[in-house]
Amino acid sequence: MGESSRKLTTLKIGTVCDFISDNGDGWSKVHANNTTGYIQNSRINGTGLSTWKKGTVLGVPVYTRPSDTKPCAYINKGNKFNVVCSIKSGKYAGWSIIHYNNQDKYIRTDMLKI
């Protein structure tokens, strides 16, 4: 997986597949109709198959200070904030100050869509 995401064939309900392996992330490699490819485990009958691993999509990171290595929060689509200023020169050039959740935070200016 990962190399291609194109559809190789369509399997009708009831088609018997030769199971090759479960990739551990909700997909299995199978062989059917002279084709080997991947199918979502939720679409095949089998016990002990892996399920989709759930993750969280994080938004744009904001920082207490530009020198911080870890964000203090993430702004997601629909979150409201005010841009206080964009810093054009000096040590913090390329950063903007925003007012978010009643606090001033820093965000990389190139991450702003204004």
PDB file of N, CA and C in Angstrom:
ATOM      1  N   MET A   1       0.834  -1.178   0.000  1.00  0.00           N
ATOM      2  CA  MET A   1       0.000   0.000   0.000  1.00  0.00           C
ATOM      3  C   MET A   1       0.872   1.231   0.000  1.00  0.00           C
ATOM      4  N   GLY A   2       0.296   2.355  -0.276  1.00  0.00           N
ATOM      5  CA  GLY A   2       1.051   3.588  -0.276  1.00  0.00           C
ATOM      6  C   GLY A   2       1.603   3.937  -1.638  1.00  0.00           C
ATOM      7  N   GLU A   3       1.896   2.938  -2.451  1.00  0.00           N
ATOM      8  CA  GLU A   3       2.442   3.198  -3.775  1.00  0.00           C
ATOM      9  C   GLU A   3       1.349   3.572  -4.761  1.00  0.00           C
ATOM     10  N   SER A   4       0.151   3.039  -4.548  1.00  0.00           N
ATOM     11  CA  SER A   4      -0.919   3.283  -5.488  1.00  0.00           C
ATOM     12  C   SER A   4      -2.240   3.335  -4.749  1.00  0.00           C
ATOM     13  N   SER A   5      -3.151   4.136  -5.235  1.00  0.00           N
ATOM     14  CA  SER A   5      -4.474   4.163  -4.631  1.00  0.00           C
ATOM     15  C   SER A   5      -5.534   4.007  -5.710  1.00  0.00           C
ATOM     16  N   ARG A   6      -5.158   3.346  -6.773  1.00  0.00           N
ATOM     17  CA  ARG A   6      -6.125   3.163  -7.853  1.00  0.00           C
ATOM     18  C   ARG A   6      -6.876   1.843  -7.682  1.00  0.00           C
ATOM     19  N   LYS A   7      -8.073   1.819  -8.178  1.00  0.00           N
ATOM     20  CA  LYS A   7      -8.927   0.640  -8.103  1.00  0.00           C
ATOM     21  C   LYS A   7      -8.420  -0.393  -9.105  1.00  0.00           C
ATOM     22  N   LEU A   8      -8.187  -1.613  -8.624  1.00  0.00           N
ATOM     23  CA  LEU A   8      -7.685  -2.674  -9.494  1.00  0.00           C
ATOM     24  C   LEU A   8      -8.807  -3.519 -10.085  1.00  0.00           C
ATOM     25  N   THR A   9      -9.835  -3.785  -9.285  1.00  0.00           N
ATOM     26  CA  THR A   9     -10.960  -4.601  -9.723  1.00  0.00           C
ATOM     27  C   THR A   9     -12.122  -4.373  -8.777  1.00  0.00           C
ATOM     28  N   THR A  10     -13.289  -4.817  -9.159  1.00  0.00           N
ATOM     29  CA  THR A  10     -14.457  -4.769  -8.303  1.00  0.00           C
ATOM     30  C   THR A  10     -14.834  -6.197  -7.963  1.00  0.00           C
ATOM     31  N   LEU A  11     -14.991  -6.452  -6.667  1.00  0.00           N
ATOM     32  CA  LEU A  11     -15.380  -7.790  -6.226  1.00  0.00           C
ATOM     33  C   LEU A  11     -16.852  -7.778  -5.849  1.00  0.00           C
ATOM     34  N   LYS A  12     -17.611  -8.734  -6.386  1.00  0.00           N
ATOM     35  CA  LYS A  12     -19.021  -8.844  -6.055  1.00  0.00           C
ATOM     36  C   LYS A  12     -19.174  -9.447  -4.661  1.00  0.00           C
ATOM     37  N   ILE A  13     -20.269  -9.096  -4.012  1.00  0.00           N
ATOM     38  CA  ILE A  13     -20.561  -9.673  -2.706  1.00  0.00           C
ATOM     39  C   ILE A  13     -20.578 -11.187  -2.839  1.00  0.00           C
ATOM     40  N   GLY A  14     -19.895 -11.859  -1.940  1.00  0.00           N
ATOM     41  CA  GLY A  14     -19.826 -13.322  -1.953  1.00  0.00           C
ATOM     42  C   GLY A  14     -18.579 -13.862  -2.628  1.00  0.00           C
ATOM     43  N   THR A  15     -17.780 -13.008  -3.269  1.00  0.00           N
ATOM     44  CA  THR A  15     -16.543 -13.465  -3.908  1.00  0.00           C
ATOM     45  C   THR A  15     -15.596 -13.995  -2.845  1.00  0.00           C
ATOM     46  N   VAL A  16     -15.048 -15.166  -3.072  1.00  0.00           N
ATOM     47  CA  VAL A  16     -14.090 -15.750  -2.142  1.00  0.00           C
ATOM     48  C   VAL A  16     -12.698 -15.274  -2.535  1.00  0.00           C
ATOM     49  N   CYS A  17     -11.991 -14.722  -1.563  1.00  0.00           N
ATOM     50  CA  CYS A  17     -10.640 -14.203  -1.786  1.00  0.00           C
ATOM     51  C   CYS A  17      -9.630 -15.079  -1.066  1.00  0.00           C
ATOM     52  N   ASP A  18      -8.431 -15.149  -1.596  1.00  0.00           N
ATOM     53  CA  ASP A  18      -7.324 -15.773  -0.884  1.00  0.00           C
ATOM     54  C   ASP A  18      -6.691 -14.697  -0.018  1.00  0.00           C
ATOM     55  N   PHE A  19      -6.741 -14.891   1.294  1.00  0.00           N
ATOM     56  CA  PHE A  19      -6.171 -13.939   2.238  1.00  0.00           C
ATOM     57  C   PHE A  19      -4.656 -14.103   2.228  1.00  0.00           C
ATOM     58  N   ILE A  20      -3.932 -12.979   2.089  1.00  0.00           N
ATOM     59  CA  ILE A  20      -2.466 -13.012   2.097  1.00  0.00           C
ATOM     60  C   ILE A  20      -1.938 -12.448   3.412  1.00  0.00           C
ATOM     61  N   SER A  21      -2.344 -11.235   3.766  1.00  0.00           N
ATOM     62  CA  SER A  21      -1.862 -10.657   5.028  1.00  0.00           C
ATOM     63  C   SER A  21      -2.713  -9.466   5.437  1.00  0.00           C
ATOM     64  N   ASP A  22      -2.692  -9.188   6.733  1.00  0.00           N
ATOM     65  CA  ASP A  22      -3.365  -8.027   7.306  1.00  0.00           C
ATOM     66  C   ASP A  22      -2.267  -7.019   7.600  1.00  0.00           C
ATOM     67  N   ASN A  23      -2.391  -5.780   7.107  1.00  0.00           N
ATOM     68  CA  ASN A  23      -1.305  -4.818   7.316  1.00  0.00           C
ATOM     69  C   ASN A  23      -1.338  -4.164   8.685  1.00  0.00           C
ATOM     70  N   GLY A  24      -2.359  -4.461   9.498  1.00  0.00           N
ATOM     71  CA  GLY A  24      -2.424  -3.922  10.848  1.00  0.00           C
ATOM     72  C   GLY A  24      -3.078  -2.560  10.948  1.00  0.00           C
ATOM     73  N   ASP A  25      -3.523  -2.012   9.828  1.00  0.00           N
ATOM     74  CA  ASP A  25      -4.109  -0.676   9.838  1.00  0.00           C
ATOM     75  C   ASP A  25      -5.463  -0.643   9.137  1.00  0.00           C
ATOM     76  N   GLY A  26      -6.185  -1.749   9.217  1.00  0.00           N
ATOM     77  CA  GLY A  26      -7.523  -1.774   8.646  1.00  0.00           C
ATOM     78  C   GLY A  26      -7.614  -2.249   7.209  1.00  0.00           C
ATOM     79  N   TRP A  27      -6.510  -2.715   6.637  1.00  0.00           N
ATOM     80  CA  TRP A  27      -6.480  -3.202   5.259  1.00  0.00           C
ATOM     81  C   TRP A  27      -5.838  -4.585   5.220  1.00  0.00           C
ATOM     82  N   SER A  28      -6.270  -5.396   4.265  1.00  0.00           N
ATOM     83  CA  SER A  28      -5.658  -6.707   4.059  1.00  0.00           C
ATOM     84  C   SER A  28      -5.293  -6.881   2.594  1.00  0.00           C
ATOM     85  N   LYS A  29      -4.207  -7.603   2.390  1.00  0.00           N
ATOM     86  CA  LYS A  29      -3.783  -7.965   1.041  1.00  0.00           C
ATOM     87  C   LYS A  29      -4.477  -9.279   0.695  1.00  0.00           C
ATOM     88  N   VAL A  30      -5.167  -9.289  -0.450  1.00  0.00           N
ATOM     89  CA  VAL A  30      -5.911 -10.471  -0.877  1.00  0.00           C
ATOM     90  C   VAL A  30      -5.657 -10.735  -2.360  1.00  0.00           C
ATOM     91  N   HIS A  31      -6.012 -11.958  -2.766  1.00  0.00           N
ATOM     92  CA  HIS A  31      -5.930 -12.317  -4.183  1.00  0.00           C
ATOM     93  C   HIS A  31      -7.301 -12.850  -4.600  1.00  0.00           C
ATOM     94  N   ALA A  32      -7.860 -12.273  -5.653  1.00  0.00           N
ATOM     95  CA  ALA A  32      -9.152 -12.713  -6.191  1.00  0.00           C
ATOM     96  C   ALA A  32      -9.244 -12.280  -7.640  1.00  0.00           C
ATOM     97  N   ASN A  33      -9.957 -13.031  -8.440  1.00  0.00           N
ATOM     98  CA  ASN A  33     -10.163 -12.697  -9.856  1.00  0.00           C
ATOM     99  C   ASN A  33      -8.847 -12.404 -10.566  1.00  0.00           C
ATOM    100  N   ASN A  34      -7.828 -13.221 -10.319  1.00  0.00           N
ATOM    101  CA  ASN A  34      -6.500 -13.072 -10.946  1.00  0.00           C
ATOM    102  C   ASN A  34      -5.834 -11.738 -10.629  1.00  0.00           C
ATOM    103  N   THR A  35      -6.214 -11.114  -9.516  1.00  0.00           N
ATOM    104  CA  THR A  35      -5.647  -9.825  -9.116  1.00  0.00           C
ATOM    105  C   THR A  35      -5.262  -9.881  -7.644  1.00  0.00           C
ATOM    106  N   THR A  36      -4.094  -9.318  -7.326  1.00  0.00           N
ATOM    107  CA  THR A  36      -3.668  -9.182  -5.940  1.00  0.00           C
ATOM    108  C   THR A  36      -3.679  -7.705  -5.588  1.00  0.00           C
ATOM    109  N   GLY A  37      -4.317  -7.381  -4.473  1.00  0.00           N
ATOM    110  CA  GLY A  37      -4.388  -5.993  -4.050  1.00  0.00           C
ATOM    111  C   GLY A  37      -4.875  -5.904  -2.621  1.00  0.00           C
ATOM    112  N   TYR A  38      -5.230  -4.703  -2.213  1.00  0.00           N
ATOM    113  CA  TYR A  38      -5.664  -4.446  -0.844  1.00  0.00           C
ATOM    114  C   TYR A  38      -7.149  -4.136  -0.809  1.00  0.00           C
ATOM    115  N   ILE A  39      -7.773  -4.537   0.293  1.00  0.00           N
ATOM    116  CA  ILE A  39      -9.184  -4.270   0.513  1.00  0.00           C
ATOM    117  C   ILE A  39      -9.366  -3.876   1.979  1.00  0.00           C
ATOM    118  N   GLN A  40     -10.324  -2.993   2.233  1.00  0.00           N
ATOM    119  CA  GLN A  40     -10.596  -2.593   3.610  1.00  0.00           C
ATOM    120  C   GLN A  40     -11.125  -3.802   4.377  1.00  0.00           C
ATOM    121  N   ASN A  41     -10.608  -3.995   5.581  1.00  0.00           N
ATOM    122  CA  ASN A  41     -11.045  -5.125   6.385  1.00  0.00           C
ATOM    123  C   ASN A  41     -12.531  -5.072   6.711  1.00  0.00           C
ATOM    124  N   SER A  42     -13.108  -3.879   6.751  1.00  0.00           N
ATOM    125  CA  SER A  42     -14.539  -3.753   7.038  1.00  0.00           C
ATOM    126  C   SER A  42     -15.381  -4.334   5.904  1.00  0.00           C
ATOM    127  N   ARG A  43     -14.757  -4.608   4.758  1.00  0.00           N
ATOM    128  CA  ARG A  43     -15.494  -5.128   3.605  1.00  0.00           C
ATOM    129  C   ARG A  43     -15.321  -6.632   3.424  1.00  0.00           C
ATOM    130  N   ILE A  44     -14.537  -7.256   4.306  1.00  0.00           N
ATOM    131  CA  ILE A  44     -14.353  -8.707   4.175  1.00  0.00           C
ATOM    132  C   ILE A  44     -14.736  -9.392   5.485  1.00  0.00           C
ATOM    133  N   ASN A  45     -15.113 -10.643   5.351  1.00  0.00           N
ATOM    134  CA  ASN A  45     -15.485 -11.461   6.492  1.00  0.00           C
ATOM    135  C   ASN A  45     -14.231 -12.094   7.064  1.00  0.00           C
ATOM    136  N   GLY A  46     -14.031 -11.970   8.326  1.00  0.00           N
ATOM    137  CA  GLY A  46     -12.870 -12.604   8.949  1.00  0.00           C
ATOM    138  C   GLY A  46     -12.800 -12.225  10.411  1.00  0.00           C
ATOM    139  N   THR A  47     -12.247 -13.088  11.198  1.00  0.00           N
ATOM    140  CA  THR A  47     -12.113 -12.787  12.618  1.00  0.00           C
ATOM    141  C   THR A  47     -10.688 -12.354  12.914  1.00  0.00           C
ATOM    142  N   GLY A  48     -10.558 -11.456  13.851  1.00  0.00           N
ATOM    143  CA  GLY A  48      -9.233 -11.014  14.269  1.00  0.00           C
ATOM    144  C   GLY A  48      -8.558 -10.043  13.321  1.00  0.00           C
ATOM    145  N   LEU A  49      -9.292  -9.474  12.377  1.00  0.00           N
ATOM    146  CA  LEU A  49      -8.696  -8.524  11.451  1.00  0.00           C
ATOM    147  C   LEU A  49      -8.546  -7.165  12.110  1.00  0.00           C
ATOM    148  N   SER A  50      -7.546  -6.426  11.702  1.00  0.00           N
ATOM    149  CA  SER A  50      -7.307  -5.103  12.274  1.00  0.00           C
ATOM    150  C   SER A  50      -8.403  -4.131  11.850  1.00  0.00           C
ATOM    151  N   THR A  51      -8.511  -3.063  12.590  1.00  0.00           N
ATOM    152  CA  THR A  51      -9.461  -2.012  12.252  1.00  0.00           C
ATOM    153  C   THR A  51      -8.675  -0.745  11.975  1.00  0.00           C
ATOM    154  N   TRP A  52      -9.365   0.233  11.407  1.00  0.00           N
ATOM    155  CA  TRP A  52      -8.730   1.523  11.141  1.00  0.00           C
ATOM    156  C   TRP A  52      -8.178   2.085  12.424  1.00  0.00           C
ATOM    157  N   LYS A  53      -6.987   2.600  12.377  1.00  0.00           N
ATOM    158  CA  LYS A  53      -6.432   3.302  13.523  1.00  0.00           C
ATOM    159  C   LYS A  53      -6.961   4.734  13.458  1.00  0.00           C
ATOM    160  N   LYS A  54      -7.459   5.212  14.568  1.00  0.00           N
ATOM    161  CA  LYS A  54      -8.023   6.551  14.588  1.00  0.00           C
ATOM    162  C   LYS A  54      -6.966   7.550  14.999  1.00  0.00           C
ATOM    163  N   GLY A  55      -6.993   8.680  14.381  1.00  0.00           N
ATOM    164  CA  GLY A  55      -6.065   9.746  14.710  1.00  0.00           C
ATOM    165  C   GLY A  55      -6.810  11.060  14.791  1.00  0.00           C
ATOM    166  N   THR A  56      -6.115  12.058  15.224  1.00  0.00           N
ATOM    167  CA  THR A  56      -6.701  13.383  15.323  1.00  0.00           C
ATOM    168  C   THR A  56      -5.965  14.300  14.373  1.00  0.00           C
ATOM    169  N   VAL A  57      -6.697  14.969  13.539  1.00  0.00           N
ATOM    170  CA  VAL A  57      -6.092  15.938  12.648  1.00  0.00           C
ATOM    171  C   VAL A  57      -5.969  17.235  13.421  1.00  0.00           C
ATOM    172  N   LEU A  58      -4.747  17.680  13.566  1.00  0.00           N
ATOM    173  CA  LEU A  58      -4.502  18.907  14.312  1.00  0.00           C
ATOM    174  C   LEU A  58      -4.493  20.088  13.356  1.00  0.00           C
ATOM    175  N   GLY A  59      -4.876  21.218  13.866  1.00  0.00           N
ATOM    176  CA  GLY A  59      -4.897  22.430  13.059  1.00  0.00           C
ATOM    177  C   GLY A  59      -3.539  23.101  13.046  1.00  0.00           C
ATOM    178  N   VAL A  60      -3.558  24.399  12.890  1.00  0.00           N
ATOM    179  CA  VAL A  60      -2.342  25.200  12.809  1.00  0.00           C
ATOM    180  C   VAL A  60      -1.816  25.442  14.225  1.00  0.00           C
ATOM    181  N   PRO A  61      -0.541  25.146  14.479  1.00  0.00           N
ATOM    182  CA  PRO A  61      -0.002  25.333  15.825  1.00  0.00           C
ATOM    183  C   PRO A  61       0.191  26.802  16.176  1.00  0.00           C
ATOM    184  N   VAL A  62      -0.074  27.146  17.445  1.00  0.00           N
ATOM    185  CA  VAL A  62       0.206  28.472  17.979  1.00  0.00           C
ATOM    186  C   VAL A  62       1.104  28.299  19.200  1.00  0.00           C
ATOM    187  N   TYR A  63       1.894  29.316  19.457  1.00  0.00           N
ATOM    188  CA  TYR A  63       2.922  29.238  20.491  1.00  0.00           C
ATOM    189  C   TYR A  63       2.802  30.399  21.470  1.00  0.00           C
ATOM    190  N   THR A  64       3.270  30.171  22.691  1.00  0.00           N
ATOM    191  CA  THR A  64       3.331  31.241  23.679  1.00  0.00           C
ATOM    192  C   THR A  64       4.417  32.228  23.292  1.00  0.00           C
ATOM    193  N   ARG A  65       5.549  31.703  22.815  1.00  0.00           N
ATOM    194  CA  ARG A  65       6.680  32.508  22.327  1.00  0.00           C
ATOM    195  C   ARG A  65       7.200  31.864  21.046  1.00  0.00           C
ATOM    196  N   PRO A  66       7.713  32.636  20.108  1.00  0.00           N
ATOM    197  CA  PRO A  66       8.248  32.056  18.875  1.00  0.00           C
ATOM    198  C   PRO A  66       9.399  31.077  19.126  1.00  0.00           C
ATOM    199  N   SER A  67      10.103  31.229  20.222  1.00  0.00           N
ATOM    200  CA  SER A  67      11.237  30.353  20.512  1.00  0.00           C
ATOM    201  C   SER A  67      10.808  29.012  21.096  1.00  0.00           C
ATOM    202  N   ASP A  68       9.523  28.850  21.425  1.00  0.00           N
ATOM    203  CA  ASP A  68       9.047  27.576  21.977  1.00  0.00           C
ATOM    204  C   ASP A  68       9.152  26.474  20.922  1.00  0.00           C
ATOM    205  N   THR A  69       9.471  25.271  21.359  1.00  0.00           N
ATOM    206  CA  THR A  69       9.565  24.146  20.430  1.00  0.00           C
ATOM    207  C   THR A  69       8.259  23.357  20.338  1.00  0.00           C
ATOM    208  N   LYS A  70       7.383  23.523  21.324  1.00  0.00           N
ATOM    209  CA  LYS A  70       6.099  22.818  21.298  1.00  0.00           C
ATOM    210  C   LYS A  70       4.964  23.835  21.317  1.00  0.00           C
ATOM    211  N   PRO A  71       3.948  23.601  20.491  1.00  0.00           N
ATOM    212  CA  PRO A  71       2.799  24.511  20.472  1.00  0.00           C
ATOM    213  C   PRO A  71       2.040  24.467  21.796  1.00  0.00           C
ATOM    214  N   CYS A  72       1.403  25.563  22.133  1.00  0.00           N
ATOM    215  CA  CYS A  72       0.555  25.600  23.332  1.00  0.00           C
ATOM    216  C   CYS A  72      -0.893  25.294  22.966  1.00  0.00           C
ATOM    217  N   ALA A  73      -1.230  25.387  21.683  1.00  0.00           N
ATOM    218  CA  ALA A  73      -2.596  25.114  21.225  1.00  0.00           C
ATOM    219  C   ALA A  73      -2.579  24.927  19.707  1.00  0.00           C
ATOM    220  N   TYR A  74      -3.714  24.524  19.171  1.00  0.00           N
ATOM    221  CA  TYR A  74      -3.895  24.398  17.726  1.00  0.00           C
ATOM    222  C   TYR A  74      -5.176  25.124  17.351  1.00  0.00           C
ATOM    223  N   ILE A  75      -5.111  25.884  16.275  1.00  0.00           N
ATOM    224  CA  ILE A  75      -6.300  26.566  15.772  1.00  0.00           C
ATOM    225  C   ILE A  75      -6.852  25.706  14.638  1.00  0.00           C
ATOM    226  N   ASN A  76      -8.095  25.332  14.774  1.00  0.00           N
ATOM    227  CA  ASN A  76      -8.740  24.503  13.770  1.00  0.00           C
ATOM    228  C   ASN A  76      -9.669  25.341  12.916  1.00  0.00           C
ATOM    229  N   LYS A  77     -10.057  24.818  11.785  1.00  0.00           N
ATOM    230  CA  LYS A  77     -10.953  25.520  10.874  1.00  0.00           C
ATOM    231  C   LYS A  77     -12.195  25.954  11.643  1.00  0.00           C
ATOM    232  N   GLY A  78     -12.548  27.187  11.505  1.00  0.00           N
ATOM    233  CA  GLY A  78     -13.720  27.723  12.172  1.00  0.00           C
ATOM    234  C   GLY A  78     -13.423  28.433  13.481  1.00  0.00           C
ATOM    235  N   ASN A  79     -12.218  28.214  14.064  1.00  0.00           N
ATOM    236  CA  ASN A  79     -11.859  28.939  15.286  1.00  0.00           C
ATOM    237  C   ASN A  79     -11.692  30.417  14.951  1.00  0.00           C
ATOM    238  N   LYS A  80     -12.137  31.269  15.816  1.00  0.00           N
ATOM    239  CA  LYS A  80     -12.043  32.713  15.609  1.00  0.00           C
ATOM    240  C   LYS A  80     -10.864  33.279  16.396  1.00  0.00           C
ATOM    241  N   PHE A  81     -10.146  34.211  15.777  1.00  0.00           N
ATOM    242  CA  PHE A  81      -9.053  34.911  16.435  1.00  0.00           C
ATOM    243  C   PHE A  81      -8.831  36.227  15.713  1.00  0.00           C
ATOM    244  N   ASN A  82      -8.163  37.135  16.375  1.00  0.00           N
ATOM    245  CA  ASN A  82      -7.829  38.425  15.779  1.00  0.00           C
ATOM    246  C   ASN A  82      -6.327  38.495  15.559  1.00  0.00           C
ATOM    247  N   VAL A  83      -5.925  39.001  14.397  1.00  0.00           N
ATOM    248  CA  VAL A  83      -4.511  39.231  14.125  1.00  0.00           C
ATOM    249  C   VAL A  83      -4.153  40.593  14.687  1.00  0.00           C
ATOM    250  N   VAL A  84      -3.230  40.613  15.647  1.00  0.00           N
ATOM    251  CA  VAL A  84      -2.801  41.855  16.268  1.00  0.00           C
ATOM    252  C   VAL A  84      -1.789  42.548  15.371  1.00  0.00           C
ATOM    253  N   CYS A  85      -0.766  41.806  14.949  1.00  0.00           N
ATOM    254  CA  CYS A  85       0.236  42.371  14.043  1.00  0.00           C
ATOM    255  C   CYS A  85       1.066  41.263  13.422  1.00  0.00           C
ATOM    256  N   SER A  86       1.698  41.567  12.307  1.00  0.00           N
ATOM    257  CA  SER A  86       2.653  40.666  11.666  1.00  0.00           C
ATOM    258  C   SER A  86       4.026  41.305  11.772  1.00  0.00           C
ATOM    259  N   ILE A  87       4.996  40.518  12.199  1.00  0.00           N
ATOM    260  CA  ILE A  87       6.347  41.029  12.420  1.00  0.00           C
ATOM    261  C   ILE A  87       7.146  40.853  11.129  1.00  0.00           C
ATOM    262  N   LYS A  88       7.624  41.966  10.585  1.00  0.00           N
ATOM    263  CA  LYS A  88       8.286  41.959   9.274  1.00  0.00           C
ATOM    264  C   LYS A  88       9.815  41.944   9.347  1.00  0.00           C
ATOM    265  N   SER A  89      10.390  42.354  10.478  1.00  0.00           N
ATOM    266  CA  SER A  89      11.854  42.378  10.582  1.00  0.00           C
ATOM    267  C   SER A  89      12.278  42.078  12.017  1.00  0.00           C
ATOM    268  N   GLY A  90      13.550  41.820  12.176  1.00  0.00           N
ATOM    269  CA  GLY A  90      14.084  41.544  13.500  1.00  0.00           C
ATOM    270  C   GLY A  90      14.064  40.065  13.838  1.00  0.00           C
ATOM    271  N   LYS A  91      14.303  39.785  15.089  1.00  0.00           N
ATOM    272  CA  LYS A  91      14.440  38.408  15.582  1.00  0.00           C
ATOM    273  C   LYS A  91      13.206  37.548  15.293  1.00  0.00           C
ATOM    274  N   TYR A  92      12.019  38.130  15.352  1.00  0.00           N
ATOM    275  CA  TYR A  92      10.794  37.363  15.166  1.00  0.00           C
ATOM    276  C   TYR A  92      10.113  37.625  13.822  1.00  0.00           C
ATOM    277  N   ALA A  93      10.897  38.051  12.842  1.00  0.00           N
ATOM    278  CA  ALA A  93      10.350  38.251  11.495  1.00  0.00           C
ATOM    279  C   ALA A  93       9.727  36.943  11.012  1.00  0.00           C
ATOM    280  N   GLY A  94       8.590  37.057  10.363  1.00  0.00           N
ATOM    281  CA  GLY A  94       7.905  35.866   9.861  1.00  0.00           C
ATOM    282  C   GLY A  94       6.865  35.320  10.832  1.00  0.00           C
ATOM    283  N   TRP A  95       6.719  35.952  11.973  1.00  0.00           N
ATOM    284  CA  TRP A  95       5.724  35.564  12.965  1.00  0.00           C
ATOM    285  C   TRP A  95       4.656  36.638  13.056  1.00  0.00           C
ATOM    286  N   SER A  96       3.470  36.236  13.486  1.00  0.00           N
ATOM    287  CA  SER A  96       2.387  37.170  13.756  1.00  0.00           C
ATOM    288  C   SER A  96       1.892  36.935  15.171  1.00  0.00           C
ATOM    289  N   ILE A  97       1.374  37.990  15.757  1.00  0.00           N
ATOM    290  CA  ILE A  97       0.754  37.879  17.071  1.00  0.00           C
ATOM    291  C   ILE A  97      -0.750  37.862  16.848  1.00  0.00           C
ATOM    292  N   ILE A  98      -1.409  36.887  17.461  1.00  0.00           N
ATOM    293  CA  ILE A  98      -2.860  36.807  17.372  1.00  0.00           C
ATOM    294  C   ILE A  98      -3.440  36.849  18.781  1.00  0.00           C
ATOM    295  N   HIS A  99      -4.679  37.261  18.866  1.00  0.00           N
ATOM    296  CA  HIS A  99      -5.401  37.226  20.135  1.00  0.00           C
ATOM    297  C   HIS A  99      -6.384  36.062  20.027  1.00  0.00           C
ATOM    298  N   TYR A 100      -6.151  35.015  20.818  1.00  0.00           N
ATOM    299  CA  TYR A 100      -6.911  33.769  20.730  1.00  0.00           C
ATOM    300  C   TYR A 100      -7.225  33.289  22.140  1.00  0.00           C
ATOM    301  N   ASN A 101      -8.461  32.977  22.407  1.00  0.00           N
ATOM    302  CA  ASN A 101      -8.895  32.548  23.743  1.00  0.00           C
ATOM    303  C   ASN A 101      -8.480  33.550  24.824  1.00  0.00           C
ATOM    304  N   ASN A 102      -8.675  34.817  24.529  1.00  0.00           N
ATOM    305  CA  ASN A 102      -8.367  35.901  25.467  1.00  0.00           C
ATOM    306  C   ASN A 102      -6.889  36.005  25.840  1.00  0.00           C
ATOM    307  N   GLN A 103      -6.013  35.498  24.984  1.00  0.00           N
ATOM    308  CA  GLN A 103      -4.566  35.587  25.220  1.00  0.00           C
ATOM    309  C   GLN A 103      -3.857  35.916  23.915  1.00  0.00           C
ATOM    310  N   ASP A 104      -2.715  36.567  24.018  1.00  0.00           N
ATOM    311  CA  ASP A 104      -1.889  36.797  22.836  1.00  0.00           C
ATOM    312  C   ASP A 104      -1.007  35.573  22.614  1.00  0.00           C
ATOM    313  N   LYS A 105      -0.979  35.097  21.374  1.00  0.00           N
ATOM    314  CA  LYS A 105      -0.191  33.921  20.989  1.00  0.00           C
ATOM    315  C   LYS A 105       0.570  34.250  19.712  1.00  0.00           C
ATOM    316  N   TYR A 106       1.558  33.437  19.394  1.00  0.00           N
ATOM    317  CA  TYR A 106       2.337  33.607  18.171  1.00  0.00           C
ATOM    318  C   TYR A 106       1.990  32.497  17.189  1.00  0.00           C
ATOM    319  N   ILE A 107       1.965  32.877  15.919  1.00  0.00           N
ATOM    320  CA  ILE A 107       1.714  31.936  14.841  1.00  0.00           C
ATOM    321  C   ILE A 107       2.616  32.319  13.678  1.00  0.00           C
ATOM    322  N   ARG A 108       3.098  31.333  12.936  1.00  0.00           N
ATOM    323  CA  ARG A 108       3.901  31.659  11.756  1.00  0.00           C
ATOM    324  C   ARG A 108       3.013  32.390  10.753  1.00  0.00           C
ATOM    325  N   THR A 109       3.476  33.518  10.276  1.00  0.00           N
ATOM    326  CA  THR A 109       2.693  34.350   9.363  1.00  0.00           C
ATOM    327  C   THR A 109       2.296  33.584   8.109  1.00  0.00           C
ATOM    328  N   ASP A 110       3.158  32.707   7.603  1.00  0.00           N
ATOM    329  CA  ASP A 110       2.825  31.959   6.383  1.00  0.00           C
ATOM    330  C   ASP A 110       1.697  30.950   6.606  1.00  0.00           C
ATOM    331  N   MET A 111       1.312  30.725   7.851  1.00  0.00           N
ATOM    332  CA  MET A 111       0.202  29.818   8.153  1.00  0.00           C
ATOM    333  C   MET A 111      -1.136  30.548   8.205  1.00  0.00           C
ATOM    334  N   LEU A 112      -1.100  31.867   8.172  1.00  0.00           N
ATOM    335  CA  LEU A 112      -2.330  32.662   8.207  1.00  0.00           C
ATOM    336  C   LEU A 112      -2.970  32.731   6.839  1.00  0.00           C
ATOM    337  N   LYS A 113      -4.268  32.651   6.811  1.00  0.00           N
ATOM    338  CA  LYS A 113      -5.039  32.823   5.582  1.00  0.00           C
ATOM    339  C   LYS A 113      -5.875  34.076   5.772  1.00  0.00           C
ATOM    340  N   ILE A 114      -5.265  35.225   5.478  1.00  0.00           N
ATOM    341  CA  ILE A 114      -5.994  36.486   5.664  1.00  0.00           C
ATOM    342  C   ILE A 114      -6.041  37.263   4.379  1.00  0.00           C
TER     343      ILE A 114
END
